[in-house]
């Protein structure tokens, strides 16, 4: 009889532990499964944005831009689009096998403890200095290298404003500060 009580107690404790862990497990899977799949194929830590400003992921994540002869491992690109012509992309690699547009540095911030640089793609014909408001006017990017997860390498990330209605300086920061490792 004692062993039956012990077995029932252990079973009850195991069931309680499973139920208690369930919300944590489902919260961990709030990331788009495509990001989790991408982690399997690369040795750097894959990050996914938790705040997308109401924009939806467009198509599939991937678009490896590396040429066949490149020694870089796959680069990741995810594009998000909103109503009309606004959107942004999140690109990840270590290292990138291509170059991004160059802009004028208009600010810095901290993302997950790392220094991030924000650039505006200013009008090259203008004699006025670039400002933070030019990110909304002409587009821009936030560039940061984020820490490695266990057994992986760090990740270079560029959050870039795309489309005819670019994100603002603050919106780039909002997306970048919401990045979380998928693993």
N, C-alpha and C. Protein backbone atom coordinates (compact mmCIF):
# COMPACT_ATOMS: atom_id res chain seq x y z
N UNK A 1 0.82 -1.18 0.00
CA UNK A 1 0.00 0.00 0.00
C UNK A 1 0.87 1.25 0.00
N UNK A 2 1.99 1.21 0.67
CA UNK A 2 2.88 2.35 0.74
C UNK A 2 3.44 2.67 -0.65
N UNK A 3 3.79 1.66 -1.41
CA UNK A 3 4.34 1.90 -2.74
C UNK A 3 3.27 2.51 -3.66
N UNK A 4 2.00 2.15 -3.48
CA UNK A 4 0.92 2.74 -4.28
C UNK A 4 0.78 4.23 -3.98
N UNK A 5 0.87 4.60 -2.71
CA UNK A 5 0.78 6.01 -2.33
C UNK A 5 1.98 6.79 -2.88
N UNK A 6 3.14 6.18 -2.79
CA UNK A 6 4.34 6.85 -3.31
C UNK A 6 4.24 7.04 -4.82
N UNK A 7 3.76 6.02 -5.53
CA UNK A 7 3.61 6.12 -6.98
C UNK A 7 2.59 7.20 -7.34
N UNK A 8 1.50 7.25 -6.59
CA UNK A 8 0.47 8.27 -6.86
C UNK A 8 1.02 9.67 -6.59
N UNK A 9 1.82 9.80 -5.54
CA UNK A 9 2.40 11.10 -5.23
C UNK A 9 3.38 11.53 -6.31
N UNK A 10 4.22 10.62 -6.76
CA UNK A 10 5.18 10.93 -7.81
C UNK A 10 4.45 11.30 -9.10
N UNK A 11 3.42 10.52 -9.44
CA UNK A 11 2.64 10.81 -10.64
C UNK A 11 2.00 12.19 -10.54
N UNK A 12 1.45 12.51 -9.38
CA UNK A 12 0.84 13.83 -9.16
C UNK A 12 1.85 14.95 -9.29
N UNK A 13 3.05 14.74 -8.72
CA UNK A 13 4.10 15.76 -8.82
C UNK A 13 4.56 15.95 -10.26
N UNK A 14 4.72 14.84 -10.99
CA UNK A 14 5.13 14.93 -12.39
C UNK A 14 4.08 15.66 -13.22
N UNK A 15 2.79 15.34 -12.98
CA UNK A 15 1.72 16.01 -13.71
C UNK A 15 1.70 17.50 -13.39
N UNK A 16 1.89 17.86 -12.13
CA UNK A 16 1.92 19.27 -11.73
C UNK A 16 3.11 19.98 -12.38
N UNK A 17 4.25 19.31 -12.46
CA UNK A 17 5.43 19.92 -13.08
C UNK A 17 5.21 20.15 -14.57
N UNK A 18 4.56 19.21 -15.24
CA UNK A 18 4.28 19.35 -16.67
C UNK A 18 3.32 20.51 -16.90
N UNK A 19 2.27 20.58 -16.12
CA UNK A 19 1.29 21.66 -16.25
C UNK A 19 1.95 23.01 -15.96
N UNK A 20 2.79 23.08 -14.95
CA UNK A 20 3.46 24.33 -14.60
C UNK A 20 4.43 24.76 -15.69
N UNK A 21 5.04 23.82 -16.37
CA UNK A 21 6.02 24.14 -17.41
C UNK A 21 5.36 24.50 -18.73
N UNK A 22 4.13 24.11 -18.94
CA UNK A 22 3.46 24.33 -20.22
C UNK A 22 3.45 25.79 -20.66
N UNK A 23 3.09 26.76 -19.82
CA UNK A 23 3.11 28.14 -20.31
C UNK A 23 4.49 28.61 -20.73
N UNK A 24 5.51 28.17 -20.03
CA UNK A 24 6.87 28.54 -20.38
C UNK A 24 7.25 27.97 -21.74
N UNK A 25 6.89 26.72 -21.97
CA UNK A 25 7.22 26.09 -23.23
C UNK A 25 6.51 26.78 -24.39
N UNK A 26 5.24 27.11 -24.23
CA UNK A 26 4.53 27.76 -25.33
C UNK A 26 5.05 29.17 -25.55
N UNK A 27 5.48 29.86 -24.51
CA UNK A 27 6.03 31.20 -24.67
C UNK A 27 7.32 31.16 -25.47
N UNK A 28 8.10 30.10 -25.29
CA UNK A 28 9.36 29.97 -26.02
C UNK A 28 9.10 29.76 -27.51
N UNK A 29 7.93 29.26 -27.88
CA UNK A 29 7.62 29.00 -29.27
C UNK A 29 6.80 30.12 -29.91
N UNK A 30 6.84 31.32 -29.33
CA UNK A 30 6.13 32.45 -29.92
C UNK A 30 6.91 33.00 -31.12
N UNK A 31 8.14 32.54 -31.30
CA UNK A 31 8.98 32.94 -32.43
C UNK A 31 8.47 32.20 -33.67
N UNK A 32 8.53 32.87 -34.82
CA UNK A 32 8.13 32.21 -36.06
C UNK A 32 8.99 30.96 -36.24
N UNK A 33 8.36 29.82 -36.54
CA UNK A 33 9.12 28.56 -36.68
C UNK A 33 10.21 28.63 -37.75
N UNK A 34 10.07 29.53 -38.72
CA UNK A 34 11.10 29.65 -39.76
C UNK A 34 12.43 30.08 -39.16
N UNK A 35 12.41 30.95 -38.15
CA UNK A 35 13.65 31.37 -37.51
C UNK A 35 14.29 30.18 -36.80
N UNK A 36 13.47 29.36 -36.15
CA UNK A 36 14.01 28.19 -35.46
C UNK A 36 14.64 27.22 -36.45
N UNK A 37 14.03 27.05 -37.61
CA UNK A 37 14.59 26.17 -38.64
C UNK A 37 15.93 26.71 -39.14
N UNK A 38 16.05 28.02 -39.27
CA UNK A 38 17.29 28.61 -39.75
C UNK A 38 18.44 28.36 -38.77
N UNK A 39 18.15 28.28 -37.47
CA UNK A 39 19.21 28.06 -36.49
C UNK A 39 19.90 26.73 -36.72
N UNK A 40 19.18 25.75 -37.23
CA UNK A 40 19.75 24.42 -37.46
C UNK A 40 20.87 24.46 -38.49
N UNK A 41 20.79 25.38 -39.47
CA UNK A 41 21.75 25.38 -40.56
C UNK A 41 22.95 26.29 -40.41
N UNK A 42 23.06 27.05 -39.30
CA UNK A 42 24.17 28.00 -39.17
C UNK A 42 24.84 27.86 -37.80
N UNK A 43 26.07 28.36 -37.71
CA UNK A 43 26.82 28.24 -36.45
C UNK A 43 26.79 29.53 -35.64
N UNK A 44 26.13 30.56 -36.13
CA UNK A 44 25.94 31.79 -35.35
C UNK A 44 24.54 31.77 -34.75
N UNK A 45 24.32 32.57 -33.74
CA UNK A 45 23.04 32.60 -33.04
C UNK A 45 22.00 33.35 -33.87
N UNK A 46 20.86 32.71 -34.12
CA UNK A 46 19.78 33.35 -34.88
C UNK A 46 18.88 34.10 -33.90
N UNK A 47 18.56 35.32 -34.25
CA UNK A 47 17.69 36.18 -33.45
C UNK A 47 16.40 36.44 -34.23
N UNK A 48 15.29 36.59 -33.51
CA UNK A 48 14.00 36.91 -34.14
C UNK A 48 13.39 38.12 -33.44
N UNK A 49 12.78 39.02 -34.21
CA UNK A 49 12.14 40.18 -33.59
C UNK A 49 10.83 39.77 -32.91
N UNK A 50 10.60 40.30 -31.73
CA UNK A 50 9.35 40.05 -31.01
C UNK A 50 8.33 41.15 -31.28
N UNK A 51 8.81 42.30 -31.72
CA UNK A 51 7.94 43.43 -32.07
C UNK A 51 8.17 43.76 -33.54
N UNK A 52 7.13 43.63 -34.34
CA UNK A 52 7.24 43.87 -35.77
C UNK A 52 6.38 45.05 -36.23
N UNK A 53 5.92 45.86 -35.30
CA UNK A 53 5.18 47.09 -35.60
C UNK A 53 3.92 46.81 -36.42
N UNK A 54 3.31 45.66 -36.19
CA UNK A 54 2.09 45.29 -36.90
C UNK A 54 2.32 44.79 -38.31
N UNK A 55 3.58 44.62 -38.69
CA UNK A 55 3.89 44.16 -40.04
C UNK A 55 4.05 42.64 -40.02
N UNK A 56 3.74 42.03 -41.16
CA UNK A 56 3.77 40.58 -41.28
C UNK A 56 5.00 40.12 -42.04
N UNK A 57 5.49 38.94 -41.67
CA UNK A 57 6.61 38.33 -42.38
C UNK A 57 6.18 38.04 -43.81
N UNK A 58 6.98 38.47 -44.75
CA UNK A 58 6.68 38.29 -46.18
C UNK A 58 7.39 37.05 -46.68
N UNK A 59 6.65 36.06 -47.10
CA UNK A 59 7.23 34.86 -47.67
C UNK A 59 8.03 34.05 -46.66
N UNK A 60 9.12 33.49 -47.14
CA UNK A 60 9.95 32.65 -46.30
C UNK A 60 11.26 33.34 -45.96
N UNK A 61 11.81 32.95 -44.85
CA UNK A 61 13.11 33.49 -44.42
C UNK A 61 14.19 32.74 -45.19
N UNK A 62 15.23 33.42 -45.52
CA UNK A 62 16.32 32.76 -46.21
C UNK A 62 17.06 33.71 -47.11
N UNK A 63 16.86 33.56 -48.39
CA UNK A 63 17.50 34.40 -49.40
C UNK A 63 19.00 34.50 -49.17
N UNK A 64 19.69 33.38 -49.28
CA UNK A 64 21.13 33.38 -49.11
C UNK A 64 21.77 34.13 -50.26
N UNK A 65 22.40 35.25 -49.94
CA UNK A 65 23.00 36.10 -50.96
C UNK A 65 24.44 35.73 -51.27
N UNK A 66 24.98 34.75 -50.61
CA UNK A 66 26.37 34.37 -50.82
C UNK A 66 26.53 33.67 -52.16
N UNK A 67 27.57 34.01 -52.87
CA UNK A 67 27.83 33.37 -54.16
C UNK A 67 28.33 31.95 -53.93
N UNK A 68 28.29 31.16 -54.97
CA UNK A 68 28.69 29.76 -54.87
C UNK A 68 30.12 29.60 -54.37
N UNK A 69 31.01 30.51 -54.70
CA UNK A 69 32.40 30.41 -54.29
C UNK A 69 32.71 31.05 -52.95
N UNK A 70 31.71 31.58 -52.28
CA UNK A 70 31.92 32.29 -51.01
C UNK A 70 32.27 31.32 -49.89
N UNK A 71 33.14 31.77 -49.01
CA UNK A 71 33.49 30.95 -47.84
C UNK A 71 32.59 31.29 -46.65
N UNK A 72 31.71 32.28 -46.80
CA UNK A 72 30.77 32.64 -45.72
C UNK A 72 29.66 31.62 -45.64
N UNK A 73 29.19 31.36 -44.42
CA UNK A 73 28.03 30.48 -44.32
C UNK A 73 26.78 31.28 -44.62
N UNK A 74 25.68 30.59 -44.75
CA UNK A 74 24.43 31.21 -45.18
C UNK A 74 24.09 32.48 -44.40
N UNK A 75 23.68 33.49 -45.12
CA UNK A 75 23.16 34.72 -44.53
C UNK A 75 21.65 34.60 -44.48
N UNK A 76 21.03 35.19 -43.48
CA UNK A 76 19.58 35.11 -43.30
C UNK A 76 18.97 36.48 -43.57
N UNK A 77 17.83 36.47 -44.23
CA UNK A 77 17.10 37.72 -44.45
C UNK A 77 15.62 37.45 -44.26
N UNK A 78 14.98 38.29 -43.45
CA UNK A 78 13.53 38.22 -43.25
C UNK A 78 12.95 39.59 -43.53
N UNK A 79 11.95 39.65 -44.42
CA UNK A 79 11.32 40.92 -44.76
C UNK A 79 9.92 40.97 -44.16
N UNK A 80 9.59 42.13 -43.62
CA UNK A 80 8.28 42.38 -43.03
C UNK A 80 7.63 43.52 -43.80
N UNK A 81 6.36 43.37 -44.14
CA UNK A 81 5.65 44.42 -44.86
C UNK A 81 4.38 44.81 -44.11
N UNK A 82 4.04 46.06 -44.29
CA UNK A 82 2.83 46.59 -43.67
C UNK A 82 1.89 47.09 -44.74
N UNK A 83 0.94 47.88 -44.31
CA UNK A 83 -0.02 48.45 -45.25
C UNK A 83 0.71 49.42 -46.17
N UNK A 84 0.29 49.43 -47.40
CA UNK A 84 0.91 50.35 -48.35
C UNK A 84 2.31 49.91 -48.73
N UNK A 85 3.24 50.81 -48.57
CA UNK A 85 4.60 50.56 -49.06
C UNK A 85 5.64 50.62 -47.95
N UNK A 86 5.26 50.33 -46.72
CA UNK A 86 6.24 50.37 -45.64
C UNK A 86 6.73 48.96 -45.32
N UNK A 87 7.91 48.90 -44.73
CA UNK A 87 8.44 47.62 -44.34
C UNK A 87 9.85 47.73 -43.80
N UNK A 88 10.36 46.58 -43.37
CA UNK A 88 11.73 46.52 -42.89
C UNK A 88 12.24 45.10 -43.10
N UNK A 89 13.56 44.96 -43.04
CA UNK A 89 14.16 43.64 -43.11
C UNK A 89 15.10 43.45 -41.93
N UNK A 90 15.26 42.19 -41.54
CA UNK A 90 16.22 41.81 -40.52
C UNK A 90 17.17 40.83 -41.21
N UNK A 91 18.44 41.23 -41.33
CA UNK A 91 19.46 40.38 -41.96
C UNK A 91 20.47 39.96 -40.91
N UNK A 92 20.89 38.69 -40.97
CA UNK A 92 21.80 38.14 -39.97
C UNK A 92 22.88 37.30 -40.64
N UNK A 93 24.08 37.37 -40.09
CA UNK A 93 25.20 36.59 -40.62
C UNK A 93 26.39 36.67 -39.67
N UNK A 94 27.41 35.90 -39.98
CA UNK A 94 28.73 36.02 -39.35
C UNK A 94 29.74 35.30 -40.24
N UNK A 95 30.33 36.04 -41.16
CA UNK A 95 30.13 37.43 -41.55
C UNK A 95 29.13 37.53 -42.70
N UNK A 96 28.74 38.77 -43.04
CA UNK A 96 27.93 38.99 -44.23
C UNK A 96 28.82 38.77 -45.45
N UNK A 97 28.23 38.24 -46.51
CA UNK A 97 29.00 38.01 -47.74
C UNK A 97 28.67 39.07 -48.79
N UNK A 98 28.08 40.18 -48.36
CA UNK A 98 27.74 41.29 -49.26
C UNK A 98 27.75 42.57 -48.43
N UNK A 99 27.64 43.69 -49.09
CA UNK A 99 27.65 44.98 -48.40
C UNK A 99 26.26 45.60 -48.41
N UNK A 100 25.95 46.33 -47.37
CA UNK A 100 24.72 47.12 -47.30
C UNK A 100 25.01 48.52 -47.82
N UNK A 101 23.93 49.25 -48.09
CA UNK A 101 24.09 50.65 -48.47
C UNK A 101 24.78 51.39 -47.34
N UNK A 102 25.51 52.43 -47.68
CA UNK A 102 26.17 53.23 -46.66
C UNK A 102 25.35 54.47 -46.39
N UNK A 103 25.28 54.85 -45.14
CA UNK A 103 24.56 56.05 -44.75
C UNK A 103 25.41 56.86 -43.78
N UNK A 104 24.86 57.97 -43.39
CA UNK A 104 25.53 58.81 -42.40
C UNK A 104 25.06 58.39 -41.01
N UNK A 105 26.01 58.24 -40.08
CA UNK A 105 25.65 57.88 -38.72
C UNK A 105 24.90 59.04 -38.08
N UNK A 106 23.69 58.73 -37.56
CA UNK A 106 22.86 59.76 -36.93
C UNK A 106 22.57 59.45 -35.46
N UNK A 107 23.09 58.33 -34.96
CA UNK A 107 22.88 58.02 -33.55
C UNK A 107 23.38 56.64 -33.19
N UNK A 108 23.38 56.39 -31.89
CA UNK A 108 23.74 55.07 -31.35
C UNK A 108 22.74 54.73 -30.24
N UNK A 109 22.66 53.45 -29.95
CA UNK A 109 21.84 52.96 -28.85
C UNK A 109 22.46 51.65 -28.37
N UNK A 110 21.86 51.05 -27.38
CA UNK A 110 22.33 49.77 -26.88
C UNK A 110 21.24 48.72 -27.10
N UNK A 111 21.64 47.59 -27.69
CA UNK A 111 20.73 46.47 -27.92
C UNK A 111 21.34 45.25 -27.24
N UNK A 112 20.64 44.68 -26.28
CA UNK A 112 21.12 43.53 -25.52
C UNK A 112 22.55 43.75 -25.02
N UNK A 113 22.82 44.95 -24.54
CA UNK A 113 24.11 45.29 -23.96
C UNK A 113 25.20 45.63 -24.97
N UNK A 114 24.86 45.62 -26.26
CA UNK A 114 25.85 45.88 -27.30
C UNK A 114 25.55 47.22 -27.99
N UNK A 115 26.61 47.93 -28.36
CA UNK A 115 26.44 49.22 -29.03
C UNK A 115 25.93 49.00 -30.46
N UNK A 116 24.87 49.73 -30.80
CA UNK A 116 24.29 49.69 -32.14
C UNK A 116 24.42 51.07 -32.77
N UNK A 117 24.64 51.09 -34.06
CA UNK A 117 24.78 52.33 -34.81
C UNK A 117 23.59 52.48 -35.76
N UNK A 118 23.01 53.68 -35.80
CA UNK A 118 21.90 53.96 -36.70
C UNK A 118 22.38 54.92 -37.77
N UNK A 119 22.12 54.55 -39.04
CA UNK A 119 22.51 55.36 -40.18
C UNK A 119 21.27 55.79 -40.95
N UNK A 120 21.31 56.99 -41.54
CA UNK A 120 20.26 57.48 -42.44
C UNK A 120 20.82 57.49 -43.85
N UNK A 121 20.01 57.08 -44.81
CA UNK A 121 20.40 57.12 -46.21
C UNK A 121 20.04 58.50 -46.76
N UNK A 122 20.82 59.49 -46.38
CA UNK A 122 20.53 60.88 -46.72
C UNK A 122 20.70 61.16 -48.20
N UNK A 123 20.12 62.27 -48.61
CA UNK A 123 20.24 62.73 -49.98
C UNK A 123 21.69 63.19 -50.22
N UNK A 124 22.44 62.50 -51.08
CA UNK A 124 23.84 62.86 -51.29
C UNK A 124 24.01 64.24 -51.92
N UNK A 125 22.98 64.78 -52.57
CA UNK A 125 23.07 66.09 -53.19
C UNK A 125 22.85 67.23 -52.18
N UNK A 126 22.40 66.88 -51.00
CA UNK A 126 22.11 67.91 -50.00
C UNK A 126 23.38 68.34 -49.29
N UNK A 127 23.47 69.62 -49.00
CA UNK A 127 24.62 70.13 -48.26
C UNK A 127 24.34 70.15 -46.75
N UNK A 128 23.08 69.89 -46.38
CA UNK A 128 22.72 69.88 -44.96
C UNK A 128 23.19 68.58 -44.31
N UNK A 129 23.60 68.63 -43.06
CA UNK A 129 24.00 67.40 -42.37
C UNK A 129 22.79 66.49 -42.14
N UNK A 130 23.05 65.19 -42.12
CA UNK A 130 21.98 64.21 -41.87
C UNK A 130 21.53 64.29 -40.42
N UNK A 131 20.25 64.00 -40.21
CA UNK A 131 19.68 64.00 -38.87
C UNK A 131 18.88 62.72 -38.66
N UNK A 132 18.45 62.49 -37.44
CA UNK A 132 17.64 61.32 -37.12
C UNK A 132 16.34 61.30 -37.92
N UNK A 133 15.77 62.46 -38.19
CA UNK A 133 14.51 62.52 -38.95
C UNK A 133 14.71 62.08 -40.40
N UNK A 134 15.95 62.09 -40.89
CA UNK A 134 16.22 61.64 -42.26
C UNK A 134 16.04 60.13 -42.42
N UNK A 135 16.07 59.38 -41.33
CA UNK A 135 15.82 57.94 -41.41
C UNK A 135 14.40 57.73 -41.94
N UNK A 136 13.43 58.48 -41.43
CA UNK A 136 12.04 58.37 -41.89
C UNK A 136 11.89 58.91 -43.32
N UNK A 137 12.68 59.90 -43.64
CA UNK A 137 12.56 60.56 -44.94
C UNK A 137 13.18 59.74 -46.07
N UNK A 138 14.39 59.20 -45.84
CA UNK A 138 15.14 58.53 -46.89
C UNK A 138 15.38 57.03 -46.65
N UNK A 139 15.08 56.55 -45.47
CA UNK A 139 15.40 55.18 -45.11
C UNK A 139 16.69 55.13 -44.31
N UNK A 140 17.00 53.95 -43.81
CA UNK A 140 18.23 53.81 -43.03
C UNK A 140 18.35 52.42 -42.46
N UNK A 141 19.30 52.26 -41.56
CA UNK A 141 19.57 50.95 -40.97
C UNK A 141 20.10 51.10 -39.56
N UNK A 142 19.92 50.03 -38.80
CA UNK A 142 20.53 49.89 -37.47
C UNK A 142 21.42 48.67 -37.57
N UNK A 143 22.68 48.82 -37.17
CA UNK A 143 23.66 47.74 -37.28
C UNK A 143 24.21 47.42 -35.89
N UNK A 144 24.23 46.11 -35.54
CA UNK A 144 24.70 45.68 -34.23
C UNK A 144 25.25 44.25 -34.32
N UNK A 145 26.21 43.92 -33.47
CA UNK A 145 26.68 42.55 -33.32
C UNK A 145 26.21 42.07 -31.96
N UNK A 146 25.39 41.00 -31.98
CA UNK A 146 24.78 40.49 -30.74
C UNK A 146 25.51 39.25 -30.25
N UNK A 147 25.43 39.00 -28.94
CA UNK A 147 26.20 37.90 -28.33
C UNK A 147 25.78 36.52 -28.81
N UNK A 148 26.72 35.61 -28.67
CA UNK A 148 26.51 34.22 -29.05
C UNK A 148 25.75 33.47 -27.97
N UNK A 149 24.92 32.52 -28.41
CA UNK A 149 24.29 31.59 -27.49
C UNK A 149 25.26 30.45 -27.22
N UNK A 150 24.89 29.56 -26.35
CA UNK A 150 25.75 28.44 -25.96
C UNK A 150 26.16 27.61 -27.18
N UNK A 151 27.45 27.44 -27.36
CA UNK A 151 27.99 26.62 -28.44
C UNK A 151 27.89 27.25 -29.82
N UNK A 152 27.49 28.52 -29.90
CA UNK A 152 27.35 29.19 -31.19
C UNK A 152 28.25 30.42 -31.24
N UNK A 153 28.24 31.11 -32.37
CA UNK A 153 29.04 32.33 -32.53
C UNK A 153 28.14 33.56 -32.47
N UNK A 154 28.75 34.73 -32.27
CA UNK A 154 27.96 35.96 -32.23
C UNK A 154 27.39 36.25 -33.62
N UNK A 155 26.48 37.22 -33.68
CA UNK A 155 25.73 37.47 -34.90
C UNK A 155 25.75 38.94 -35.28
N UNK A 156 26.09 39.21 -36.52
CA UNK A 156 25.99 40.56 -37.06
C UNK A 156 24.56 40.73 -37.58
N UNK A 157 23.91 41.80 -37.16
CA UNK A 157 22.52 42.03 -37.55
C UNK A 157 22.36 43.43 -38.11
N UNK A 158 21.58 43.52 -39.19
CA UNK A 158 21.20 44.81 -39.76
C UNK A 158 19.67 44.82 -39.86
N UNK A 159 19.06 45.79 -39.18
CA UNK A 159 17.62 46.04 -39.33
C UNK A 159 17.54 47.23 -40.27
N UNK A 160 16.93 47.02 -41.43
CA UNK A 160 16.94 48.05 -42.47
C UNK A 160 15.52 48.43 -42.86
N UNK A 161 15.31 49.72 -42.98
CA UNK A 161 14.04 50.27 -43.41
C UNK A 161 13.93 50.08 -44.92
N UNK A 162 12.83 49.49 -45.39
CA UNK A 162 12.65 49.28 -46.83
C UNK A 162 11.29 49.82 -47.25
N UNK A 163 11.14 50.09 -48.52
CA UNK A 163 9.87 50.58 -49.04
C UNK A 163 9.84 52.08 -49.20
N UNK A 164 8.72 52.57 -49.69
CA UNK A 164 8.57 54.00 -49.97
C UNK A 164 8.16 54.79 -48.74
N UNK A 165 7.79 54.11 -47.67
CA UNK A 165 7.41 54.77 -46.43
C UNK A 165 8.31 54.23 -45.32
N UNK A 166 9.57 54.68 -45.25
CA UNK A 166 10.56 54.10 -44.33
C UNK A 166 10.17 54.21 -42.86
N UNK A 167 10.71 53.29 -42.08
CA UNK A 167 10.55 53.35 -40.63
C UNK A 167 11.28 54.57 -40.10
N UNK A 168 10.88 55.01 -38.94
CA UNK A 168 11.56 56.13 -38.29
C UNK A 168 12.79 55.61 -37.52
N UNK A 169 13.59 56.53 -37.09
CA UNK A 169 14.75 56.24 -36.24
C UNK A 169 14.31 55.41 -35.03
N UNK A 170 13.26 55.85 -34.33
CA UNK A 170 12.79 55.16 -33.13
C UNK A 170 12.21 53.79 -33.46
N UNK A 171 11.54 53.64 -34.60
CA UNK A 171 10.99 52.35 -34.97
C UNK A 171 12.09 51.32 -35.24
N UNK A 172 13.19 51.75 -35.87
CA UNK A 172 14.32 50.82 -36.06
C UNK A 172 14.82 50.32 -34.70
N UNK A 173 14.92 51.24 -33.74
CA UNK A 173 15.38 50.87 -32.40
C UNK A 173 14.39 49.92 -31.74
N UNK A 174 13.10 50.18 -31.88
CA UNK A 174 12.06 49.33 -31.27
C UNK A 174 12.18 47.90 -31.77
N UNK A 175 12.32 47.73 -33.08
CA UNK A 175 12.46 46.38 -33.65
C UNK A 175 13.75 45.73 -33.13
N UNK A 176 14.85 46.45 -33.19
CA UNK A 176 16.14 45.88 -32.77
C UNK A 176 16.15 45.49 -31.29
N UNK A 177 15.58 46.31 -30.44
CA UNK A 177 15.56 45.99 -29.01
C UNK A 177 14.65 44.83 -28.68
N UNK A 178 13.79 44.42 -29.62
CA UNK A 178 12.92 43.27 -29.39
C UNK A 178 13.54 41.95 -29.84
N UNK A 179 14.74 42.00 -30.42
CA UNK A 179 15.38 40.77 -30.90
C UNK A 179 15.71 39.83 -29.75
N UNK A 180 15.36 38.56 -29.93
CA UNK A 180 15.66 37.52 -28.93
C UNK A 180 16.24 36.32 -29.65
N UNK A 181 17.20 35.63 -29.02
CA UNK A 181 17.74 34.42 -29.63
C UNK A 181 16.66 33.33 -29.70
N UNK A 182 16.67 32.55 -30.78
CA UNK A 182 15.63 31.54 -30.93
C UNK A 182 15.92 30.26 -30.14
N UNK A 183 17.19 30.04 -29.81
CA UNK A 183 17.54 28.80 -29.13
C UNK A 183 17.51 28.87 -27.65
